[in-house]
């Protein structure tokens, strides 16, 4: 169905994904790596599921299940262990 490619809304969605979501993410990633270092920035990526659950709870009104809470605890323990390992950084 080629009509999808004629719809300006679809083009705006592609521009948003390409420019804001992707390009801005890479710029922020590079800035974080320069400021914090690659290891700390990479460890921070493991917090992404927690942020997703928090946003879903706040903005979508979803309920946090016990499995999500347990997973969040595992993530936090893992991040804490990773940041404390080998001196914990600078």
N, C-alpha and C. Protein backbone atom coordinates (compact mmCIF):
# COMPACT_ATOMS: atom_id res chain seq x y z
N UNK A 1 0.84 -1.18 0.00
CA UNK A 1 0.00 0.00 0.00
C UNK A 1 0.89 1.25 0.00
N UNK A 2 1.03 1.86 -1.16
CA UNK A 2 1.90 3.02 -1.29
C UNK A 2 1.28 4.31 -0.76
N UNK A 3 -0.01 4.28 -0.46
CA UNK A 3 -0.67 5.48 0.08
C UNK A 3 -0.07 5.90 1.41
N UNK A 4 0.49 4.96 2.14
CA UNK A 4 1.12 5.28 3.43
C UNK A 4 2.25 6.28 3.27
N UNK A 5 2.96 6.19 2.13
CA UNK A 5 4.11 7.05 1.91
C UNK A 5 3.72 8.46 1.47
N UNK A 6 2.46 8.65 1.13
CA UNK A 6 1.98 9.97 0.74
C UNK A 6 1.41 10.75 1.91
N UNK A 7 1.21 10.09 3.02
CA UNK A 7 0.62 10.72 4.20
C UNK A 7 1.69 11.53 4.93
N UNK A 8 1.49 12.85 5.08
CA UNK A 8 2.49 13.68 5.77
C UNK A 8 2.71 13.30 7.23
N UNK A 9 1.69 12.75 7.88
CA UNK A 9 1.84 12.33 9.28
C UNK A 9 2.89 11.23 9.38
N UNK A 10 2.90 10.31 8.45
CA UNK A 10 3.91 9.25 8.46
C UNK A 10 5.31 9.81 8.26
N UNK A 11 5.44 10.81 7.41
CA UNK A 11 6.75 11.44 7.19
C UNK A 11 7.22 12.17 8.44
N UNK A 12 6.29 12.82 9.13
CA UNK A 12 6.65 13.51 10.38
C UNK A 12 7.08 12.50 11.45
N UNK A 13 6.42 11.35 11.47
CA UNK A 13 6.82 10.30 12.41
C UNK A 13 8.24 9.82 12.10
N UNK A 14 8.55 9.64 10.83
CA UNK A 14 9.89 9.21 10.44
C UNK A 14 10.94 10.26 10.80
N UNK A 15 10.61 11.53 10.59
CA UNK A 15 11.54 12.61 10.93
C UNK A 15 11.76 12.64 12.44
N UNK A 16 10.68 12.50 13.20
CA UNK A 16 10.80 12.48 14.65
C UNK A 16 11.71 11.34 15.11
N UNK A 17 11.46 10.14 14.58
CA UNK A 17 12.28 8.99 14.97
C UNK A 17 13.73 9.16 14.56
N UNK A 18 13.96 9.70 13.38
CA UNK A 18 15.33 9.83 12.89
C UNK A 18 16.09 10.95 13.55
N UNK A 19 15.45 12.09 13.73
CA UNK A 19 16.15 13.26 14.25
C UNK A 19 16.13 13.30 15.77
N UNK A 20 14.96 13.26 16.34
CA UNK A 20 14.87 13.42 17.79
C UNK A 20 15.22 12.14 18.54
N UNK A 21 14.53 11.08 18.22
CA UNK A 21 14.73 9.86 19.01
C UNK A 21 16.12 9.26 18.79
N UNK A 22 16.56 9.17 17.56
CA UNK A 22 17.84 8.51 17.29
C UNK A 22 19.02 9.46 17.43
N UNK A 23 19.01 10.55 16.69
CA UNK A 23 20.15 11.46 16.68
C UNK A 23 20.38 12.09 18.06
N UNK A 24 19.33 12.54 18.70
CA UNK A 24 19.48 13.14 20.02
C UNK A 24 20.00 12.13 21.03
N UNK A 25 19.57 10.89 20.90
CA UNK A 25 20.06 9.86 21.81
C UNK A 25 21.56 9.64 21.64
N UNK A 26 22.03 9.62 20.41
CA UNK A 26 23.46 9.44 20.18
C UNK A 26 24.26 10.64 20.68
N UNK A 27 23.72 11.83 20.53
CA UNK A 27 24.41 13.03 21.02
C UNK A 27 24.50 12.98 22.55
N UNK A 28 23.39 12.65 23.19
CA UNK A 28 23.39 12.55 24.66
C UNK A 28 24.30 11.42 25.15
N UNK A 29 24.30 10.30 24.43
CA UNK A 29 25.19 9.18 24.78
C UNK A 29 26.64 9.61 24.71
N UNK A 30 27.01 10.31 23.63
CA UNK A 30 28.40 10.76 23.48
C UNK A 30 28.78 11.75 24.58
N UNK A 31 27.87 12.65 24.91
CA UNK A 31 28.14 13.61 25.97
C UNK A 31 28.32 12.91 27.32
N UNK A 32 27.45 11.92 27.58
CA UNK A 32 27.56 11.18 28.84
C UNK A 32 28.86 10.39 28.91
N UNK A 33 29.26 9.78 27.79
CA UNK A 33 30.52 9.03 27.76
C UNK A 33 31.70 9.96 28.02
N UNK A 34 31.67 11.15 27.44
CA UNK A 34 32.75 12.10 27.65
C UNK A 34 32.81 12.60 29.08
N UNK A 35 31.68 12.74 29.71
CA UNK A 35 31.62 13.28 31.06
C UNK A 35 31.83 12.23 32.14
N UNK A 36 31.15 11.09 31.99
CA UNK A 36 31.17 10.05 33.03
C UNK A 36 32.13 8.91 32.73
N UNK A 37 32.45 8.74 31.46
CA UNK A 37 33.23 7.58 31.04
C UNK A 37 32.30 6.51 30.49
N UNK A 38 32.86 5.67 29.65
CA UNK A 38 32.06 4.67 28.96
C UNK A 38 31.48 3.64 29.92
N UNK A 39 32.25 3.22 30.90
CA UNK A 39 31.79 2.16 31.80
C UNK A 39 30.59 2.62 32.63
N UNK A 40 30.69 3.79 33.23
CA UNK A 40 29.57 4.29 34.05
C UNK A 40 28.34 4.57 33.19
N UNK A 41 28.56 5.07 31.98
CA UNK A 41 27.43 5.34 31.11
C UNK A 41 26.75 4.05 30.70
N UNK A 42 27.53 3.02 30.43
CA UNK A 42 26.96 1.74 30.05
C UNK A 42 26.19 1.12 31.21
N UNK A 43 26.72 1.22 32.41
CA UNK A 43 26.03 0.69 33.58
C UNK A 43 24.69 1.41 33.76
N UNK A 44 24.66 2.69 33.48
CA UNK A 44 23.41 3.46 33.61
C UNK A 44 22.34 2.97 32.65
N UNK A 45 22.73 2.37 31.53
CA UNK A 45 21.75 1.84 30.58
C UNK A 45 20.89 0.75 31.20
N UNK A 46 21.44 0.04 32.17
CA UNK A 46 20.67 -1.02 32.81
C UNK A 46 19.48 -0.46 33.60
N UNK A 47 19.46 0.83 33.84
CA UNK A 47 18.34 1.45 34.55
C UNK A 47 17.16 1.74 33.62
N UNK A 48 17.33 1.53 32.32
CA UNK A 48 16.28 1.83 31.35
C UNK A 48 14.95 1.12 31.66
N UNK A 49 14.95 -0.17 32.00
CA UNK A 49 13.67 -0.81 32.32
C UNK A 49 12.96 -0.17 33.52
N UNK A 50 13.74 0.25 34.51
CA UNK A 50 13.13 0.91 35.67
C UNK A 50 12.47 2.23 35.27
N UNK A 51 13.14 2.98 34.42
CA UNK A 51 12.58 4.24 33.94
C UNK A 51 11.31 3.97 33.14
N UNK A 52 11.33 2.92 32.32
CA UNK A 52 10.14 2.57 31.54
C UNK A 52 8.96 2.22 32.42
N UNK A 53 9.20 1.44 33.45
CA UNK A 53 8.13 1.07 34.37
C UNK A 53 7.63 2.31 35.13
N UNK A 54 8.55 3.17 35.54
CA UNK A 54 8.15 4.39 36.26
C UNK A 54 7.30 5.29 35.37
N UNK A 55 7.70 5.47 34.12
CA UNK A 55 6.92 6.31 33.21
C UNK A 55 5.55 5.69 32.94
N UNK A 56 5.50 4.36 32.77
CA UNK A 56 4.22 3.69 32.53
C UNK A 56 3.30 3.83 33.73
N UNK A 57 3.88 3.81 34.92
CA UNK A 57 3.09 3.97 36.13
C UNK A 57 2.55 5.39 36.25
N UNK A 58 3.41 6.37 36.03
CA UNK A 58 3.02 7.77 36.21
C UNK A 58 2.12 8.25 35.08
N UNK A 59 2.50 8.01 33.85
CA UNK A 59 1.80 8.61 32.72
C UNK A 59 0.69 7.75 32.14
N UNK A 60 0.77 6.43 32.29
CA UNK A 60 -0.25 5.55 31.73
C UNK A 60 -1.14 4.93 32.79
N UNK A 61 -0.79 5.14 34.05
CA UNK A 61 -1.60 4.61 35.13
C UNK A 61 -1.50 3.11 35.31
N UNK A 62 -0.44 2.49 34.81
CA UNK A 62 -0.27 1.05 34.97
C UNK A 62 0.15 0.70 36.39
N UNK A 63 -0.22 -0.48 36.80
CA UNK A 63 0.14 -0.96 38.14
C UNK A 63 1.45 -1.73 38.07
N UNK A 64 2.28 -1.56 39.08
CA UNK A 64 3.54 -2.29 39.17
C UNK A 64 3.26 -3.66 39.77
N UNK A 65 3.68 -4.71 39.07
CA UNK A 65 3.48 -6.07 39.57
C UNK A 65 4.64 -6.46 40.48
N UNK A 66 4.45 -7.53 41.21
CA UNK A 66 5.53 -8.00 42.10
C UNK A 66 6.74 -8.44 41.29
N UNK A 67 6.51 -8.98 40.09
CA UNK A 67 7.61 -9.42 39.26
C UNK A 67 8.43 -8.23 38.76
N UNK A 68 7.76 -7.14 38.41
CA UNK A 68 8.48 -5.92 38.02
C UNK A 68 9.26 -5.34 39.18
N UNK A 69 8.66 -5.35 40.36
CA UNK A 69 9.36 -4.85 41.55
C UNK A 69 10.58 -5.71 41.87
N UNK A 70 10.44 -7.02 41.77
CA UNK A 70 11.57 -7.91 42.02
C UNK A 70 12.66 -7.69 40.98
N UNK A 71 12.26 -7.56 39.72
CA UNK A 71 13.23 -7.29 38.66
C UNK A 71 13.94 -5.97 38.89
N UNK A 72 13.20 -4.96 39.34
CA UNK A 72 13.80 -3.66 39.64
C UNK A 72 14.82 -3.76 40.74
N UNK A 73 14.52 -4.56 41.76
CA UNK A 73 15.50 -4.76 42.85
C UNK A 73 16.76 -5.44 42.34
N UNK A 74 16.59 -6.44 41.47
CA UNK A 74 17.75 -7.12 40.90
C UNK A 74 18.59 -6.14 40.09
N UNK A 75 17.92 -5.30 39.31
CA UNK A 75 18.64 -4.30 38.51
C UNK A 75 19.42 -3.35 39.42
N UNK A 76 18.78 -2.84 40.46
CA UNK A 76 19.44 -1.90 41.36
C UNK A 76 20.63 -2.54 42.07
N UNK A 77 20.48 -3.79 42.49
CA UNK A 77 21.60 -4.49 43.13
C UNK A 77 22.73 -4.67 42.12
N UNK A 78 22.39 -5.05 40.89
CA UNK A 78 23.42 -5.23 39.87
C UNK A 78 24.15 -3.95 39.55
N UNK A 79 23.42 -2.85 39.45
CA UNK A 79 24.06 -1.56 39.18
C UNK A 79 24.94 -1.15 40.36
N UNK A 80 24.47 -1.38 41.57
CA UNK A 80 25.26 -1.04 42.75
C UNK A 80 26.54 -1.86 42.79
N UNK A 81 26.45 -3.14 42.51
CA UNK A 81 27.63 -4.00 42.51
C UNK A 81 28.61 -3.55 41.42
N UNK A 82 28.07 -3.25 40.25
CA UNK A 82 28.92 -2.85 39.12
C UNK A 82 29.63 -1.53 39.39
N UNK A 83 28.97 -0.60 40.06
CA UNK A 83 29.60 0.69 40.32
C UNK A 83 30.58 0.62 41.48
N UNK A 84 30.42 -0.34 42.38
CA UNK A 84 31.34 -0.50 43.51
C UNK A 84 32.54 -1.35 43.14
N UNK A 85 32.44 -2.13 42.10
CA UNK A 85 33.54 -3.02 41.71
C UNK A 85 34.75 -2.21 41.26
N UNK A 86 35.91 -2.66 41.64
CA UNK A 86 37.18 -2.04 41.24
C UNK A 86 37.28 -0.58 41.62
N UNK A 87 36.83 -0.22 42.78
CA UNK A 87 37.02 1.13 43.28
C UNK A 87 35.87 2.07 43.00
N UNK A 88 34.93 1.71 42.16
CA UNK A 88 33.76 2.54 41.93
C UNK A 88 33.99 3.76 41.08
N UNK A 89 35.10 3.91 40.43
CA UNK A 89 35.29 5.01 39.51
C UNK A 89 36.12 6.14 40.08
N UNK A 90 35.87 7.35 39.58
CA UNK A 90 36.71 8.53 39.86
C UNK A 90 36.46 9.12 41.22
